[in-house]
Amino acid sequence: MTTLATETVTQRLGRFAAETPLELIPEAVLVHSRRAILDFFGVAIGGADSEPARLARSLASTLGGHQQASVLVTGERTSTANAALVNGLMANVMDFDDTHVPTILHPTSPIMGAALAVGEWRHSTGQALLAAHVLAYEISARVSLAISPESYNAGWHLTGTTGTIGAAVAAGRLLGLDVAGMQRAIGLAATQAAGQRQQFGEMAKSLHAGRAASNGVAAALLAAEGFGASPASLEGTWGLASLMSAQPRPDEMIVELGQRWELPRNGLKPYACGIVAHPAIDVARALAQSLQADAADIERIDLRVHPLALTLTGRPNPATGIEAKFSLFFACAAQLMEGAAGKAQFTDAVVNRPDIRTFMARISAVQDSSLTPIEAAGNLRLRDGRSASAHVAAARGTPGNPLTDGDLAEKVRQLAVPVLGVARSEALIATVHALEGVDDIAQLARATVPAS
């Protein structure tokens, strides 16, 4: 019989996920959870009209299945697995979703994709949803820490790999899995974990979040039926950590478990692109503002960024809106010329505008390994000879420089109001802020559907 002293790491995480009550989660952590869930709804609503979302909805229609859960915005009814896939993908497709900053995991898209589908099917409460999100975030972030940065450097995309584990934990929690069942769900998720960085700049990247959500649901449902998995699926010799990292640190998964929480290290994006480009955008903004310069006045911007910023977002000539999400040059140009780097800017039409292309050529960036991934510096020179320098120590939206509640609400409004209108958008925001009072989270899915 397994005891606390002989539990594997996978079993220990299963116990934590299955047995931790909402009452033991600090209020400060719950605040971060509500903010992440609100952000999820905003970016999922904003991503609903994208081509990848349309194609995913078409797939769900083709596959069919029992009408257990809703696709956000359209209200179409489909199976839990299909709803999880579509909603998880929709929340990630704009590259506007939240980030566990230390690892660059985007956790809430797959977690909420799974949790909302299962929770709607099972008529779960808002309190149950909060607990599921917090515990799923905690475990997916800790597994990510145990394999980072080696896993990412090897080409794995954490949102697809450890995001699958988070989705399984969320779904398993809402299904009421016991300790053994949760351990099986984690193992079944671990063996389905996938996602390649090669897909960045392609539609397939958002499939990582959608498939993580769907596979997590399947893992939890199979576990509920007694489908088995290794009790050392995460830390075993051929488990996830060893396969995805040359230097796995499985103890990172359980050290100070329940005492140190990862959600306070979550970031909410102000820009709809790769997070490592955000410090460069902030520097470009600061430089232009310091000289009160319009884009037409700028002769040159020279940036210094962490090496990962150029590795992930160093595309100098993106051809599509999706590719532009991985171009700090475009993101900076869009911010300075359009006054924003949001949903409206990352389109094929804006990317290929001649004035944008010309301005991008005035921006250079070099690697500076002395900087952190959330830091950047740079110089700007105007056509009249004036110049300025700027340094950003913590990009806007990261834990050291977080979005205010007002900033977050405005982000959600900008994405939701064109779809839902003002009244329904405000009602959705208020409902998420008061999530503990929601008796059936099916009303959250209904709240994303425009009034007929």
Protein backbone atom coordinates (compact mmCIF):
# COMPACT_ATOMS: atom_id res chain seq x y z
CA MET A 1 0.00 0.00 0.00
CA THR A 2 1.33 3.44 -0.94
CA THR A 3 2.04 5.78 1.97
CA LEU A 4 3.02 9.44 2.03
CA ALA A 5 6.64 8.41 2.63
CA THR A 6 6.74 6.10 -0.40
CA GLU A 7 4.69 8.13 -2.86
CA THR A 8 6.23 8.89 -6.21
CA VAL A 9 6.35 12.49 -7.43
CA THR A 10 3.44 11.76 -9.78
CA GLN A 11 1.40 10.29 -6.93
CA ARG A 12 2.23 13.23 -4.67
CA LEU A 13 0.94 15.67 -7.27
CA GLY A 14 -2.16 13.53 -7.74
CA ARG A 15 -2.86 13.73 -4.01
CA PHE A 16 -2.35 17.48 -3.96
CA ALA A 17 -4.69 17.99 -6.92
CA ALA A 18 -7.40 15.68 -5.60
CA GLU A 19 -7.41 16.60 -1.92
CA THR A 20 -6.52 20.30 -1.58
CA PRO A 21 -9.69 22.19 -0.60
CA LEU A 22 -10.48 25.66 -1.87
CA GLU A 23 -10.27 26.93 1.71
CA LEU A 24 -6.53 26.20 1.86
CA ILE A 25 -5.77 28.29 -1.21
CA PRO A 26 -4.69 31.81 -0.16
CA GLU A 27 -6.96 34.65 -1.24
CA ALA A 28 -4.01 36.36 -2.94
CA VAL A 29 -3.68 33.32 -5.20
CA LEU A 30 -7.42 33.29 -5.92
CA VAL A 31 -7.17 36.93 -7.01
CA HIS A 32 -4.64 35.92 -9.65
CA SER A 33 -6.88 33.03 -10.70
CA ARG A 34 -9.92 35.27 -11.24
CA ARG A 35 -7.78 37.65 -13.29
CA ALA A 36 -6.44 34.81 -15.45
CA ILE A 37 -9.94 33.41 -15.99
CA LEU A 38 -11.27 36.84 -17.00
CA ASP A 39 -8.35 37.22 -19.39
CA PHE A 40 -9.18 33.79 -20.84
CA PHE A 41 -12.71 34.85 -21.70
CA GLY A 42 -11.49 38.04 -23.32
CA VAL A 43 -8.92 36.37 -25.55
CA ALA A 44 -11.19 33.43 -26.41
CA ILE A 45 -13.97 35.78 -27.50
CA GLY A 46 -11.45 37.84 -29.46
CA GLY A 47 -10.08 34.72 -31.16
CA ALA A 48 -13.47 33.33 -32.17
CA ASP A 49 -13.49 34.94 -35.62
CA SER A 50 -10.04 33.67 -36.61
CA GLU A 51 -9.57 31.17 -39.42
CA PRO A 52 -8.05 28.51 -37.10
CA ALA A 53 -11.09 28.81 -34.83
CA ARG A 54 -13.45 28.45 -37.80
CA LEU A 55 -11.62 25.34 -38.96
CA ALA A 56 -11.63 23.87 -35.46
CA ARG A 57 -15.39 24.43 -35.18
CA SER A 58 -15.79 22.70 -38.54
CA LEU A 59 -13.83 19.73 -37.20
CA ALA A 60 -16.02 19.58 -34.10
CA SER A 61 -19.11 19.59 -36.30
CA THR A 62 -17.67 16.80 -38.45
CA LEU A 63 -16.78 14.66 -35.44
CA GLY A 64 -20.14 15.22 -33.75
CA GLY A 65 -20.78 13.47 -30.45
CA HIS A 66 -23.04 13.95 -27.45
CA GLN A 67 -24.03 17.58 -26.90
CA GLN A 68 -22.39 17.98 -23.52
CA ALA A 69 -20.74 21.42 -23.67
CA SER A 70 -20.72 24.68 -25.59
CA VAL A 71 -18.34 26.32 -28.00
CA LEU A 72 -17.81 29.87 -26.80
CA VAL A 73 -19.39 32.75 -28.77
CA THR A 74 -21.32 30.56 -31.24
CA GLY A 75 -23.03 28.49 -28.56
CA GLU A 76 -22.77 25.34 -30.68
CA ARG A 77 -23.21 22.18 -28.61
CA THR A 78 -20.74 19.32 -28.92
CA SER A 79 -18.85 16.78 -26.82
CA THR A 80 -16.65 17.83 -23.91
CA ALA A 81 -13.51 16.84 -25.81
CA ASN A 82 -14.53 18.80 -28.90
CA ALA A 83 -15.56 21.88 -26.91
CA ALA A 84 -12.28 21.78 -25.03
CA LEU A 85 -10.31 21.64 -28.27
CA VAL A 86 -12.12 24.58 -29.88
CA ASN A 87 -12.22 26.80 -26.80
CA GLY A 88 -8.60 26.11 -25.85
CA LEU A 89 -7.48 26.90 -29.39
CA MET A 90 -9.58 30.09 -29.57
CA ALA A 91 -7.98 31.43 -26.40
CA ASN A 92 -4.45 30.89 -27.72
CA VAL A 93 -4.81 31.78 -31.39
CA MET A 94 -4.05 35.51 -30.98
CA ASP A 95 -0.98 34.90 -28.78
CA PHE A 96 -2.73 37.17 -26.30
CA ASP A 97 -3.19 34.64 -23.46
CA ASP A 98 -1.52 34.52 -20.07
CA THR A 99 2.05 33.38 -19.39
CA HIS A 100 3.84 31.69 -16.51
CA VAL A 101 6.74 34.06 -16.89
CA PRO A 102 9.60 31.88 -15.58
CA THR A 103 8.93 29.13 -18.14
CA ILE A 104 6.92 30.86 -20.96
CA LEU A 105 4.12 28.31 -20.46
CA HIS A 106 0.68 29.62 -21.49
CA PRO A 107 -1.35 27.66 -18.95
CA THR A 108 -4.87 29.00 -18.79
CA SER A 109 -5.92 28.36 -22.40
CA PRO A 110 -5.63 24.55 -22.14
CA ILE A 111 -6.69 24.50 -18.49
CA MET A 112 -9.85 26.54 -18.99
CA GLY A 113 -10.57 24.91 -22.34
CA ALA A 114 -10.84 21.63 -20.45
CA ALA A 115 -12.36 22.95 -17.23
CA LEU A 116 -15.14 24.92 -18.87
CA ALA A 117 -16.20 21.96 -21.02
CA VAL A 118 -16.25 19.44 -18.18
CA GLY A 119 -17.64 21.94 -15.70
CA GLU A 120 -20.53 22.88 -17.96
CA TRP A 121 -21.31 19.21 -18.56
CA ARG A 122 -21.20 18.41 -14.83
CA HIS A 123 -22.90 21.66 -13.71
CA SER A 124 -19.93 22.59 -11.54
CA THR A 125 -19.95 25.69 -9.35
CA GLY A 126 -17.77 28.75 -9.67
CA GLN A 127 -15.96 27.72 -6.51
CA ALA A 128 -15.12 24.34 -8.04
CA LEU A 129 -13.87 26.05 -11.19
CA LEU A 130 -11.59 28.35 -9.20
CA ALA A 131 -10.04 25.45 -7.29
CA ALA A 132 -9.59 23.46 -10.50
CA HIS A 133 -7.85 26.35 -12.23
CA VAL A 134 -5.49 27.10 -9.33
CA LEU A 135 -4.44 23.48 -8.81
CA ALA A 136 -4.08 22.78 -12.52
CA TYR A 137 -2.01 25.93 -12.99
CA GLU A 138 0.18 24.99 -10.03
CA ILE A 139 0.94 21.51 -11.29
CA SER A 140 1.51 22.42 -14.94
CA ALA A 141 3.80 25.28 -13.91
CA ARG A 142 5.78 23.08 -11.52
CA VAL A 143 6.27 20.37 -14.12
CA SER A 144 7.40 23.10 -16.51
CA LEU A 145 9.93 24.37 -13.98
CA ALA A 146 11.30 20.85 -13.62
CA ILE A 147 12.17 20.64 -17.33
CA SER A 148 12.97 24.28 -18.16
CA PRO A 149 14.72 25.75 -20.01
CA GLU A 150 16.12 22.56 -21.53
CA SER A 151 12.74 21.36 -22.84
CA TYR A 152 12.02 24.66 -24.57
CA ASN A 153 15.56 24.85 -25.94
CA ALA A 154 15.14 21.36 -27.42
CA GLY A 155 12.10 22.56 -29.36
CA TRP A 156 9.19 21.43 -27.18
CA HIS A 157 6.30 23.88 -26.71
CA LEU A 158 5.27 23.79 -23.07
CA THR A 159 1.69 24.88 -23.76
CA GLY A 160 1.23 21.65 -25.66
CA THR A 161 3.22 19.42 -23.32
CA THR A 162 2.75 20.45 -19.70
CA GLY A 163 -0.45 22.26 -20.70
CA THR A 164 -1.92 18.79 -21.30
CA ILE A 165 -1.16 17.87 -17.70
CA GLY A 166 -2.79 21.05 -16.43
CA ALA A 167 -5.90 20.34 -18.51
CA ALA A 168 -6.12 16.79 -17.13
CA VAL A 169 -5.84 18.03 -13.55
CA ALA A 170 -8.57 20.62 -14.09
CA ALA A 171 -10.89 18.11 -15.75
CA GLY A 172 -10.10 15.46 -13.14
CA ARG A 173 -10.80 17.85 -10.29
CA LEU A 174 -14.22 18.73 -11.72
CA LEU A 175 -14.97 15.05 -12.31
CA GLY A 176 -14.21 14.39 -8.64
CA LEU A 177 -11.32 11.97 -9.20
CA ASP A 178 -9.78 10.47 -6.08
CA VAL A 179 -6.04 10.40 -5.45
CA ALA A 180 -5.42 7.24 -7.50
CA GLY A 181 -7.62 8.51 -10.31
CA MET A 182 -5.83 11.84 -10.44
CA GLN A 183 -2.46 10.08 -10.59
CA ARG A 184 -3.74 8.06 -13.53
CA ALA A 185 -5.04 11.20 -15.24
CA ILE A 186 -1.66 12.93 -14.87
CA GLY A 187 0.07 9.89 -16.31
CA LEU A 188 -2.33 9.58 -19.22
CA ALA A 189 -1.84 13.26 -19.97
CA ALA A 190 1.94 12.97 -19.76
CA THR A 191 2.04 10.23 -22.36
CA GLN A 192 -0.03 12.38 -24.77
CA ALA A 193 2.04 15.54 -24.29
CA ALA A 194 3.17 17.11 -27.57
CA GLY A 195 3.84 20.39 -29.36
CA GLN A 196 6.76 21.61 -31.46
CA ARG A 197 8.27 25.09 -31.55
CA GLN A 198 8.67 24.49 -35.29
CA GLN A 199 4.98 25.42 -35.55
CA PHE A 200 5.44 28.97 -34.26
CA GLY A 201 4.07 31.38 -36.83
CA GLU A 202 1.70 28.72 -38.19
CA MET A 203 -1.91 27.80 -37.43
CA ALA A 204 -0.63 24.61 -35.82
CA LYS A 205 0.71 26.52 -32.82
CA SER A 206 -2.78 27.25 -31.51
CA LEU A 207 -3.68 23.60 -32.05
CA HIS A 208 -1.20 22.83 -29.26
CA ALA A 209 -3.44 24.57 -26.71
CA GLY A 210 -6.61 23.09 -28.16
CA ARG A 211 -5.29 19.56 -28.33
CA ALA A 212 -3.79 19.87 -24.83
CA ALA A 213 -7.26 20.79 -23.53
CA SER A 214 -8.95 17.96 -25.42
CA ASN A 215 -6.34 15.35 -24.51
CA GLY A 216 -6.53 16.46 -20.89
CA VAL A 217 -10.28 15.83 -20.90
CA ALA A 218 -9.76 12.40 -22.44
CA ALA A 219 -7.08 11.58 -19.86
CA ALA A 220 -9.38 12.48 -16.96
CA LEU A 221 -12.34 10.59 -18.40
CA LEU A 222 -10.26 7.48 -19.00
CA ALA A 223 -8.81 7.74 -15.51
CA ALA A 224 -12.33 7.93 -14.10
CA GLU A 225 -13.05 4.59 -15.78
CA GLY A 226 -9.95 3.04 -14.19
CA PHE A 227 -7.64 3.25 -17.21
CA GLY A 228 -4.13 2.84 -15.82
CA ALA A 229 -0.84 4.71 -16.20
CA SER A 230 2.59 4.50 -14.61
CA PRO A 231 2.75 5.92 -11.07
CA ALA A 232 6.05 7.53 -12.14
CA SER A 233 4.85 8.99 -15.43
CA LEU A 234 6.51 12.34 -14.74
CA GLU A 235 9.78 11.43 -13.02
CA GLY A 236 10.47 7.85 -14.12
CA THR A 237 13.50 6.79 -16.14
CA TRP A 238 11.49 7.11 -19.35
CA GLY A 239 8.95 9.55 -17.99
CA LEU A 240 8.12 13.02 -19.27
CA ALA A 241 10.85 14.89 -17.39
CA SER A 242 13.70 12.66 -18.55
CA LEU A 243 12.52 12.61 -22.14
CA MET A 244 11.94 16.35 -22.44
CA SER A 245 14.92 17.66 -20.52
CA ALA A 246 18.61 16.79 -20.46
CA GLN A 247 18.71 18.00 -16.85
CA PRO A 248 15.37 17.04 -15.28
CA ARG A 249 14.74 18.26 -11.74
CA PRO A 250 11.68 16.31 -10.54
CA ASP A 251 12.01 17.69 -7.00
CA GLU A 252 10.96 21.08 -8.45
CA MET A 253 7.52 19.58 -8.89
CA ILE A 254 6.92 19.08 -5.18
CA VAL A 255 9.25 21.37 -3.22
CA GLU A 256 7.16 23.58 -0.89
CA LEU A 257 4.03 22.21 -2.53
CA GLY A 258 1.03 24.02 -1.07
CA GLN A 259 3.23 26.66 0.53
CA ARG A 260 4.77 28.44 -2.47
CA TRP A 261 2.30 29.14 -5.26
CA GLU A 262 3.07 29.77 -8.92
CA LEU A 263 0.04 31.85 -9.93
CA PRO A 264 1.57 35.07 -8.54
CA ARG A 265 4.22 34.63 -11.24
CA ASN A 266 1.58 34.77 -13.96
CA GLY A 267 1.67 37.52 -16.57
CA LEU A 268 -1.23 39.00 -18.54
CA LYS A 269 -0.32 40.34 -21.97
CA PRO A 270 -0.96 43.92 -23.10
CA TYR A 271 0.20 43.03 -26.63
CA ALA A 272 -1.09 40.26 -28.93
CA CYS A 273 2.25 38.62 -29.69
CA GLY A 274 5.08 36.54 -28.22
CA ILE A 275 5.81 37.72 -24.69
CA VAL A 276 9.58 37.96 -25.25
CA ALA A 277 8.87 40.79 -27.72
CA HIS A 278 7.02 42.81 -25.08
CA PRO A 279 10.09 44.44 -23.47
CA ALA A 280 11.17 45.72 -26.90
CA ILE A 281 7.71 47.19 -27.52
CA ASP A 282 7.81 48.90 -24.13
CA VAL A 283 11.23 50.39 -24.87
CA ALA A 284 10.12 51.64 -28.28
CA ARG A 285 7.07 53.27 -26.68
CA ALA A 286 9.14 54.84 -23.92
CA LEU A 287 11.65 56.24 -26.41
CA ALA A 288 9.00 57.83 -28.61
CA GLN A 289 7.14 59.24 -25.62
CA SER A 290 10.28 60.73 -24.09
CA LEU A 291 10.79 62.88 -27.19
CA GLN A 292 7.08 63.27 -27.96
CA ALA A 293 7.92 61.93 -31.41
CA ASP A 294 5.60 60.68 -34.12
CA ALA A 295 6.66 57.66 -36.16
CA ALA A 296 7.38 59.94 -39.13
CA ASP A 297 9.97 61.81 -37.05
CA ILE A 298 11.99 58.69 -36.19
CA GLU A 299 15.13 57.98 -38.18
CA ARG A 300 16.28 54.86 -36.31
CA ILE A 301 15.65 52.68 -33.23
CA ASP A 302 18.41 50.38 -31.99
CA LEU A 303 17.32 47.81 -29.41
CA ARG A 304 19.15 45.47 -27.03
CA VAL A 305 17.18 42.38 -26.02
CA HIS A 306 17.63 39.05 -24.29
CA PRO A 307 18.84 36.37 -26.75
CA LEU A 308 15.54 34.50 -26.50
CA ALA A 309 13.72 37.53 -27.90
CA LEU A 310 15.55 37.23 -31.20
CA THR A 311 15.41 33.44 -31.19
CA LEU A 312 11.61 33.47 -30.88
CA THR A 313 10.55 36.83 -32.30
CA GLY A 314 13.42 37.84 -34.57
CA ARG A 315 11.58 37.52 -37.90
CA PRO A 316 12.58 40.63 -39.89
CA ASN A 317 10.08 40.17 -42.75
CA PRO A 318 6.86 38.48 -41.64
CA ALA A 319 4.39 37.92 -44.45
CA THR A 320 1.21 37.16 -42.47
CA GLY A 321 -0.49 38.27 -39.29
CA ILE A 322 0.34 34.96 -37.64
CA GLU A 323 4.02 35.24 -38.58
CA ALA A 324 4.07 38.84 -37.32
CA LYS A 325 3.30 37.63 -33.81
CA PHE A 326 6.89 36.37 -33.85
CA SER A 327 8.45 39.59 -35.14
CA LEU A 328 9.49 42.16 -32.56
CA PHE A 329 10.29 44.46 -35.50
CA PHE A 330 6.69 44.43 -36.68
CA ALA A 331 5.30 44.65 -33.13
CA CYS A 332 7.37 47.76 -32.38
CA ALA A 333 6.45 49.34 -35.72
CA ALA A 334 2.75 48.63 -35.19
CA GLN A 335 2.81 50.10 -31.69
CA LEU A 336 4.48 53.31 -32.84
CA MET A 337 2.52 53.76 -36.07
CA GLU A 338 -0.88 52.49 -34.94
CA GLY A 339 -0.69 53.31 -31.24
CA ALA A 340 -1.38 49.67 -30.37
CA ALA A 341 -0.15 46.12 -30.89
CA GLY A 342 -3.42 44.29 -30.40
CA LYS A 343 -5.80 42.13 -32.36
CA ALA A 344 -6.43 44.73 -35.06
CA GLN A 345 -2.74 45.16 -35.86
CA PHE A 346 -1.75 41.52 -36.36
CA THR A 347 -3.47 41.01 -39.70
CA ASP A 348 -2.14 40.23 -43.16
CA ALA A 349 -3.27 43.64 -44.38
CA VAL A 350 -1.41 45.64 -41.74
CA VAL A 351 1.71 43.48 -41.97
CA ASN A 352 1.99 44.15 -45.69
CA ARG A 353 1.30 47.88 -45.66
CA PRO A 354 4.19 49.72 -47.38
CA ASP A 355 4.52 52.31 -44.61
CA ILE A 356 4.78 49.57 -41.97
CA ARG A 357 7.41 47.70 -44.02
CA THR A 358 9.43 50.89 -44.45
CA PHE A 359 9.31 51.70 -40.76
CA MET A 360 10.31 48.15 -39.75
CA ALA A 361 13.57 48.62 -41.69
CA ARG A 362 14.49 51.44 -39.31
CA ILE A 363 14.44 49.11 -36.31
CA SER A 364 17.43 46.97 -35.37
CA ALA A 365 17.93 44.58 -32.45
CA VAL A 366 20.97 42.83 -31.02
CA GLN A 367 21.33 40.19 -28.34
CA ASP A 368 22.46 41.21 -24.87
CA SER A 369 22.90 38.26 -22.53
CA SER A 370 23.16 40.58 -19.53
CA LEU A 371 19.44 41.30 -19.87
CA THR A 372 16.64 39.09 -18.54
CA PRO A 373 13.86 37.83 -20.86
CA ILE A 374 11.48 40.51 -19.53
CA GLU A 375 14.02 43.34 -19.93
CA ALA A 376 15.18 45.48 -22.87
CA ALA A 377 17.04 48.70 -23.62
CA GLY A 378 17.51 50.90 -26.64
CA ASN A 379 18.29 54.18 -28.34
CA LEU A 380 16.23 56.32 -30.67
CA ARG A 381 17.42 58.97 -33.11
CA LEU A 382 15.10 61.52 -34.71
CA ARG A 383 15.50 63.08 -38.13
CA ASP A 384 16.20 66.44 -36.47
CA GLY A 385 19.21 64.99 -34.64
CA ARG A 386 17.67 64.59 -31.19
CA SER A 387 18.13 61.24 -29.46
CA ALA A 388 17.06 59.36 -26.35
CA SER A 389 17.85 56.18 -24.44
CA ALA A 390 15.52 53.97 -22.42
CA HIS A 391 15.64 50.83 -20.31
CA VAL A 392 12.69 48.64 -19.23
CA ALA A 393 13.48 46.35 -16.29
CA ALA A 394 10.15 44.51 -16.30
CA ALA A 395 7.85 44.44 -19.31
CA ARG A 396 4.33 45.67 -18.81
CA GLY A 397 2.02 42.82 -17.81
CA THR A 398 4.72 40.75 -16.07
CA PRO A 399 4.61 40.23 -12.28
CA GLY A 400 7.05 43.07 -11.67
CA ASN A 401 4.91 45.48 -13.70
CA PRO A 402 1.42 43.98 -13.75
CA LEU A 403 -1.66 45.16 -15.59
CA THR A 404 -4.03 46.89 -13.19
CA ASP A 405 -7.56 45.55 -12.80
CA GLY A 406 -8.64 48.50 -14.90
CA ASP A 407 -6.11 47.64 -17.62
CA LEU A 408 -7.36 44.04 -17.68
CA ALA A 409 -11.01 45.06 -17.83
CA GLU A 410 -10.24 47.41 -20.72
CA LYS A 411 -8.40 44.63 -22.58
CA VAL A 412 -11.42 42.37 -22.18
CA ARG A 413 -13.78 45.14 -23.28
CA GLN A 414 -11.78 45.81 -26.43
CA LEU A 415 -12.04 42.14 -27.37
CA ALA A 416 -15.57 41.40 -26.16
CA VAL A 417 -17.62 44.51 -26.90
CA PRO A 418 -17.42 44.17 -30.71
CA VAL A 419 -18.85 40.66 -30.29
CA LEU A 420 -21.18 40.89 -27.29
CA GLY A 421 -21.99 44.56 -26.97
CA VAL A 422 -21.38 46.70 -23.91
CA ALA A 423 -24.04 45.31 -21.57
CA ARG A 424 -23.19 41.64 -22.04
CA SER A 425 -19.45 42.36 -21.83
CA GLU A 426 -19.86 44.20 -18.53
CA ALA A 427 -22.05 41.41 -17.19
CA LEU A 428 -19.41 38.83 -18.08
CA ILE A 429 -16.69 40.84 -16.33
CA ALA A 430 -18.85 41.19 -13.21
CA THR A 431 -19.69 37.49 -13.19
CA VAL A 432 -16.04 36.42 -13.27
CA HIS A 433 -15.18 38.87 -10.48
CA ALA A 434 -17.90 37.19 -8.39
CA LEU A 435 -17.11 33.66 -9.54
CA GLU A 436 -17.56 32.08 -6.10
CA GLY A 437 -21.25 32.96 -6.25
CA VAL A 438 -21.90 31.19 -9.56
CA ASP A 439 -24.02 28.08 -8.98
CA ASP A 440 -23.55 26.56 -12.44
CA ILE A 441 -20.67 27.60 -14.69
CA ALA A 442 -22.79 26.80 -17.73
CA GLN A 443 -23.92 30.41 -17.36
CA LEU A 444 -20.34 31.51 -18.16
CA ALA A 445 -20.44 29.78 -21.52
CA ARG A 446 -23.89 31.24 -22.24
CA ALA A 447 -22.62 34.71 -21.31
CA THR A 448 -20.20 34.65 -24.27
CA VAL A 449 -22.96 34.21 -26.86
CA PRO A 450 -24.24 37.43 -28.43
CA ALA A 451 -27.85 38.34 -27.80
CA SER A 452 -30.06 37.20 -30.67
